[in-house]
Amino acid sequence: MTTYNLSPEYKKSIVEKQIFYKDGKTICYSIGWRWGHVIFDEPIDLGDYNPETDQINVYELGDVVDHEFSDGCWAEWEFPDDMDEEEQERLQEIYEEEYEEGLEGEGWVSYDSEVWFSGPLLIEKED
C-alpha cells in the first residue's frame, strides 16, 4: 500500500488545536510541536500553498490515516473575552488534571481538532 508522509521541513512548525464548545462559547487549547508528520493513503495536493506566507490545516488535505508529533514546546489557551480569569484558571486546572474528560465532565464538548503546518513542507511517497 502506498502512503504519503507529510512533514514540515523546520522544527516548531506544527500547531495542534483542540476546540471545545459549551453554551455558545468556544475555548481552544493549542500545543506547538517541534517535530512530527501525518500520513495519507492518497496523493496530497498542496496547490496554491505558499511556504513563505501560508499555514495549512492538514485535515483539509484529505483523510489522515496516522500521525506522530513529538517534543511539545509550548501550550496556550484561547478563551472568550467575556470569560473571567477565575473561570479560565479553573478550566485550565481541570484540563491539567483530567484532560478532555475533565472538560467534558464540566459540559464542554470536544467540537473540533485542527493541525496546522507552516513553512516548507516535505512529502515522501512510501511504497
C-alpha atoms as a PDB file:
ATOM      1  CA  MET A   1       0.000   0.000   0.000  1.00  0.00           C
ATOM      2  CA  THR A   2       1.364   3.396  -0.983  1.00  0.00           C
ATOM      3  CA  THR A   3       1.251   6.144   1.626  1.00  0.00           C
ATOM      4  CA  TYR A   4       2.260   9.789   1.633  1.00  0.00           C
ATOM      5  CA  ASN A   5       4.113  11.212   4.615  1.00  0.00           C
ATOM      6  CA  LEU A   6       3.764  14.986   5.050  1.00  0.00           C
ATOM      7  CA  SER A   7       6.034  16.864   7.460  1.00  0.00           C
ATOM      8  CA  PRO A   8       7.374  20.375   7.945  1.00  0.00           C
ATOM      9  CA  GLU A   9      10.978  20.913   6.985  1.00  0.00           C
ATOM     10  CA  TYR A  10      11.710  23.121  10.004  1.00  0.00           C
ATOM     11  CA  LYS A  11      11.196  22.395  13.684  1.00  0.00           C
ATOM     12  CA  LYS A  12       8.484  24.214  15.655  1.00  0.00           C
ATOM     13  CA  SER A  13       6.233  24.344  12.586  1.00  0.00           C
ATOM     14  CA  ILE A  14       3.284  22.295  13.897  1.00  0.00           C
ATOM     15  CA  VAL A  15       0.351  23.601  15.932  1.00  0.00           C
ATOM     16  CA  GLU A  16      -2.331  21.216  17.165  1.00  0.00           C
ATOM     17  CA  LYS A  17      -5.599  22.798  18.301  1.00  0.00           C
ATOM     18  CA  GLN A  18      -8.364  21.201  20.351  1.00  0.00           C
ATOM     19  CA  ILE A  19     -11.577  23.201  20.254  1.00  0.00           C
ATOM     20  CA  PHE A  20     -14.323  22.828  22.856  1.00  0.00           C
ATOM     21  CA  TYR A  21     -17.864  24.227  22.840  1.00  0.00           C
ATOM     22  CA  LYS A  22     -20.437  24.890  25.568  1.00  0.00           C
ATOM     23  CA  ASP A  23     -23.451  27.196  25.824  1.00  0.00           C
ATOM     24  CA  GLY A  24     -22.487  29.222  22.743  1.00  0.00           C
ATOM     25  CA  LYS A  25     -18.897  29.690  23.912  1.00  0.00           C
ATOM     26  CA  THR A  26     -15.730  28.264  22.402  1.00  0.00           C
ATOM     27  CA  ILE A  27     -12.366  27.636  24.055  1.00  0.00           C
ATOM     28  CA  CYS A  28      -9.224  26.395  22.327  1.00  0.00           C
ATOM     29  CA  TYR A  29      -6.148  24.582  23.641  1.00  0.00           C
ATOM     30  CA  SER A  30      -3.123  24.785  21.328  1.00  0.00           C
ATOM     31  CA  ILE A  31       0.128  22.833  21.509  1.00  0.00           C
ATOM     32  CA  GLY A  32       3.242  23.634  19.499  1.00  0.00           C
ATOM     33  CA  TRP A  33       5.322  20.639  18.447  1.00  0.00           C
ATOM     34  CA  ARG A  34       8.957  20.618  17.383  1.00  0.00           C
ATOM     35  CA  TRP A  35       8.642  17.629  15.046  1.00  0.00           C
ATOM     36  CA  GLY A  36       6.012  15.428  13.515  1.00  0.00           C
ATOM     37  CA  HIS A  37       4.289  14.099  10.446  1.00  0.00           C
ATOM     38  CA  VAL A  38       0.920  12.978   9.127  1.00  0.00           C
ATOM     39  CA  ILE A  39       0.259  10.091   6.773  1.00  0.00           C
ATOM     40  CA  PHE A  40      -2.267   9.960   3.945  1.00  0.00           C
ATOM     41  CA  ASP A  41      -3.174   6.997   1.744  1.00  0.00           C
ATOM     42  CA  GLU A  42      -3.921   9.254  -1.232  1.00  0.00           C
ATOM     43  CA  PRO A  43      -1.662  11.776  -3.025  1.00  0.00           C
ATOM     44  CA  ILE A  44      -1.615  15.236  -1.452  1.00  0.00           C
ATOM     45  CA  ASP A  45      -2.271  18.387  -3.457  1.00  0.00           C
ATOM     46  CA  LEU A  46      -0.649  21.443  -1.894  1.00  0.00           C
ATOM     47  CA  GLY A  47      -1.970  23.545  -4.786  1.00  0.00           C
ATOM     48  CA  ASP A  48      -1.527  27.213  -4.019  1.00  0.00           C
ATOM     49  CA  TYR A  49       0.286  26.675  -0.703  1.00  0.00           C
ATOM     50  CA  ASN A  50       2.994  29.322  -0.261  1.00  0.00           C
ATOM     51  CA  PRO A  51       5.563  28.228   2.357  1.00  0.00           C
ATOM     52  CA  GLU A  52       6.657  31.829   2.844  1.00  0.00           C
ATOM     53  CA  THR A  53       3.273  33.115   4.000  1.00  0.00           C
ATOM     54  CA  ASP A  54       0.754  30.292   4.460  1.00  0.00           C
ATOM     55  CA  GLN A  55      -0.246  27.760   7.050  1.00  0.00           C
ATOM     56  CA  ILE A  56      -2.266  24.696   6.117  1.00  0.00           C
ATOM     57  CA  ASN A  57      -4.736  22.659   8.152  1.00  0.00           C
ATOM     58  CA  VAL A  58      -3.634  19.125   7.253  1.00  0.00           C
ATOM     59  CA  TYR A  59      -7.140  17.740   7.863  1.00  0.00           C
ATOM     60  CA  GLU A  60      -8.339  19.782   4.889  1.00  0.00           C
ATOM     61  CA  LEU A  61      -5.940  17.917   2.571  1.00  0.00           C
ATOM     62  CA  GLY A  62      -7.700  14.559   2.921  1.00  0.00           C
ATOM     63  CA  ASP A  63      -8.102  11.685   5.341  1.00  0.00           C
ATOM     64  CA  VAL A  64      -5.188  11.464   7.757  1.00  0.00           C
ATOM     65  CA  VAL A  65      -4.621   7.754   8.430  1.00  0.00           C
ATOM     66  CA  ASP A  66      -1.912   8.214  11.053  1.00  0.00           C
ATOM     67  CA  HIS A  67       0.208  10.874  12.681  1.00  0.00           C
ATOM     68  CA  GLU A  68       3.028  11.346  15.135  1.00  0.00           C
ATOM     69  CA  PHE A  69       4.078  14.526  16.901  1.00  0.00           C
ATOM     70  CA  SER A  70       6.968  14.808  19.329  1.00  0.00           C
ATOM     71  CA  ASP A  71       8.631  17.191  21.708  1.00  0.00           C
ATOM     72  CA  GLY A  72       5.879  19.651  22.604  1.00  0.00           C
ATOM     73  CA  CYS A  73       7.489  23.031  23.176  1.00  0.00           C
ATOM     74  CA  TRP A  74       4.627  25.347  24.197  1.00  0.00           C
ATOM     75  CA  ALA A  75       0.938  25.367  25.016  1.00  0.00           C
ATOM     76  CA  GLU A  76      -1.645  28.132  25.272  1.00  0.00           C
ATOM     77  CA  TRP A  77      -5.348  28.672  25.792  1.00  0.00           C
ATOM     78  CA  GLU A  78      -7.785  30.957  23.994  1.00  0.00           C
ATOM     79  CA  PHE A  79     -10.894  31.969  25.925  1.00  0.00           C
ATOM     80  CA  PRO A  80     -13.860  34.220  25.104  1.00  0.00           C
ATOM     81  CA  ASP A  81     -13.322  37.858  26.048  1.00  0.00           C
ATOM     82  CA  ASP A  82     -16.265  37.765  28.446  1.00  0.00           C
ATOM     83  CA  MET A  83     -14.964  34.775  30.480  1.00  0.00           C
ATOM     84  CA  ASP A  84     -13.484  35.925  33.781  1.00  0.00           C
ATOM     85  CA  GLU A  85      -9.933  34.969  34.763  1.00  0.00           C
ATOM     86  CA  GLU A  86     -11.054  32.818  37.676  1.00  0.00           C
ATOM     87  CA  GLU A  87     -13.109  30.605  35.364  1.00  0.00           C
ATOM     88  CA  GLN A  88     -10.245  30.433  32.852  1.00  0.00           C
ATOM     89  CA  GLU A  89      -7.827  29.287  35.562  1.00  0.00           C
ATOM     90  CA  ARG A  90     -10.343  26.741  36.866  1.00  0.00           C
ATOM     91  CA  LEU A  91     -10.787  25.199  33.412  1.00  0.00           C
ATOM     92  CA  GLN A  92      -7.036  25.085  32.854  1.00  0.00           C
ATOM     93  CA  GLU A  93      -6.540  23.260  36.153  1.00  0.00           C
ATOM     94  CA  ILE A  94      -9.261  20.756  35.266  1.00  0.00           C
ATOM     95  CA  TYR A  95      -7.592  20.107  31.927  1.00  0.00           C
ATOM     96  CA  GLU A  96      -4.158  19.692  33.532  1.00  0.00           C
ATOM     97  CA  GLU A  97      -5.571  17.061  35.908  1.00  0.00           C
ATOM     98  CA  GLU A  98      -8.074  15.202  33.707  1.00  0.00           C
ATOM     99  CA  TYR A  99      -7.507  16.384  30.125  1.00  0.00           C
ATOM    100  CA  GLU A 100     -10.516  16.289  27.751  1.00  0.00           C
ATOM    101  CA  GLU A 101     -12.514  14.092  30.112  1.00  0.00           C
ATOM    102  CA  GLY A 102     -12.352  16.788  32.785  1.00  0.00           C
ATOM    103  CA  LEU A 103     -13.744  19.439  30.460  1.00  0.00           C
ATOM    104  CA  GLU A 104     -16.407  17.043  29.211  1.00  0.00           C
ATOM    105  CA  GLY A 105     -17.404  16.487  32.840  1.00  0.00           C
ATOM    106  CA  GLU A 106     -17.995  20.236  33.018  1.00  0.00           C
ATOM    107  CA  GLY A 107     -20.295  20.091  29.987  1.00  0.00           C
ATOM    108  CA  TRP A 108     -17.757  21.124  27.337  1.00  0.00           C
ATOM    109  CA  VAL A 109     -17.960  19.183  24.069  1.00  0.00           C
ATOM    110  CA  SER A 110     -14.851  18.431  22.034  1.00  0.00           C
ATOM    111  CA  TYR A 111     -16.027  20.261  18.936  1.00  0.00           C
ATOM    112  CA  ASP A 112     -13.117  20.087  16.521  1.00  0.00           C
ATOM    113  CA  SER A 113      -9.436  19.342  16.141  1.00  0.00           C
ATOM    114  CA  GLU A 114      -7.038  21.073  13.782  1.00  0.00           C
ATOM    115  CA  VAL A 115      -3.388  20.513  12.930  1.00  0.00           C
ATOM    116  CA  TRP A 116      -1.607  23.370  11.207  1.00  0.00           C
ATOM    117  CA  PHE A 117       1.736  23.041   9.393  1.00  0.00           C
ATOM    118  CA  SER A 118       3.737  26.073   8.296  1.00  0.00           C
ATOM    119  CA  GLY A 119       6.885  26.754   6.286  1.00  0.00           C
ATOM    120  CA  PRO A 120       8.369  24.470   3.658  1.00  0.00           C
ATOM    121  CA  LEU A 121       6.739  21.028   3.649  1.00  0.00           C
ATOM    122  CA  LEU A 122       8.188  17.658   2.698  1.00  0.00           C
ATOM    123  CA  ILE A 123       6.151  14.926   1.008  1.00  0.00           C
ATOM    124  CA  GLU A 124       7.615  11.443   0.990  1.00  0.00           C
ATOM    125  CA  LYS A 125       5.952   8.664  -1.003  1.00  0.00           C
ATOM    126  CA  GLU A 126       6.363   5.300   0.699  1.00  0.00           C
ATOM    127  CA  ASP A 127       5.579   2.036  -1.055  1.00  0.00           C
END
